[in-house]
Amino acid sequence: MDQAVERAVAYMRERCGEPLTLAEIAESALLSRFYFTRVFKAETGLTPGRFLAAVRMHEAKRLIESTSMSITEISLAIGYNSLGSFTKSFTASVGVSPGRFRRLSRDGRQGLPDPEPAVWPGGGTVAGTISLPEGHGNARVYLGAFRTAVVQHAPLAWTVVDVPSGRPSCYSLKNVPGGSWHLLAVAQAAGVGPDERAGRTVLVGGHGRPAVTVAADGVTSVAVRLRPVRPADPPVLLALPALDPPATVTARPGCASVTPAAGGAARRRAAGGRAAGGHLRLASAAPARSRP
């Protein structure tokens, strides 16, 4: 991890409500503006301006969840002069309006992405295994294909996969449009030992840099490895479904497959859970040598 990038990210988080300039951010990193921009994008996958915008939206999420500030006060606190502009940007990034996000947060829930994503003619498939770092219990993983290196609305395809401790699990994303996309994952892993809840950890991973090239009507094989969050990781903006890790995950000798059924209700029943819009949910686990 580049220390200059870490300094810049810390500066952005501390002053996200101020009208920061690129020159000021580069100065915090002790680098020239042009060299800093190149190093920052290579490290984070985003320009400094886009990263700062994501930091501001993430801070807005935190304030909505944890304070009684009005939406107008929050928009001003993160540097927006127009409530309308803030509401539009927040909804585009998080997937729900600020008011709905507050209601969902108070109910102890998060919002789900669109249950019926667009169907991409000639879409391809991305498939492989998801593995956890050592020292973590079972995890529930949200995996999606995104246009940028930020987990934000709206993913091109997504699924939720349960991964057992110490063993990879299969996944499959179907109906992914042809092109180069960022395959990003967010998970909550249980702790190990007598109190699994006490040791829960947020993990991230995927192939955000470089992006994954998906061939139309083809299958792209990608192994996803999760890791703890790093200081310079772009913040997660999308209002995710609940990712409470399961107490048990049934391991099977191979990867089960489910053919997407017609109709939204049938798709939601596929693989016994959260699959939606023809995006395959694979709940079984398999050794690394198994093919999806």
Foldseek 3Di string as FASTA:
>chain_A
DDVLLLQLLVVLLVPQLDPDDLCVSNVSSVHGSVVVQVVNCVVAVDGSVVLSLLSLLVVLLVCLLPHPDDLCVSCNSRHHPDSVVVQVSLCQFAVDGSVVQSVQSVVVWFDAHDQAADAAVLWFKEKAKEAEDAQWAKKKKKKFWAAGLEQGPDGQWIEIEIAGHPFIAIFMFTRRHFAWTWIKMWMWTFGDDDHRNVPIAIKMWGPRVPTDGGDGNYYHYDYIYIDGDDSSHRDHSYRHGDIDHDPDAAADAAWDWWFQDPDQVSQQPAPHHRGGNRGTYIHYTHHNPHDD
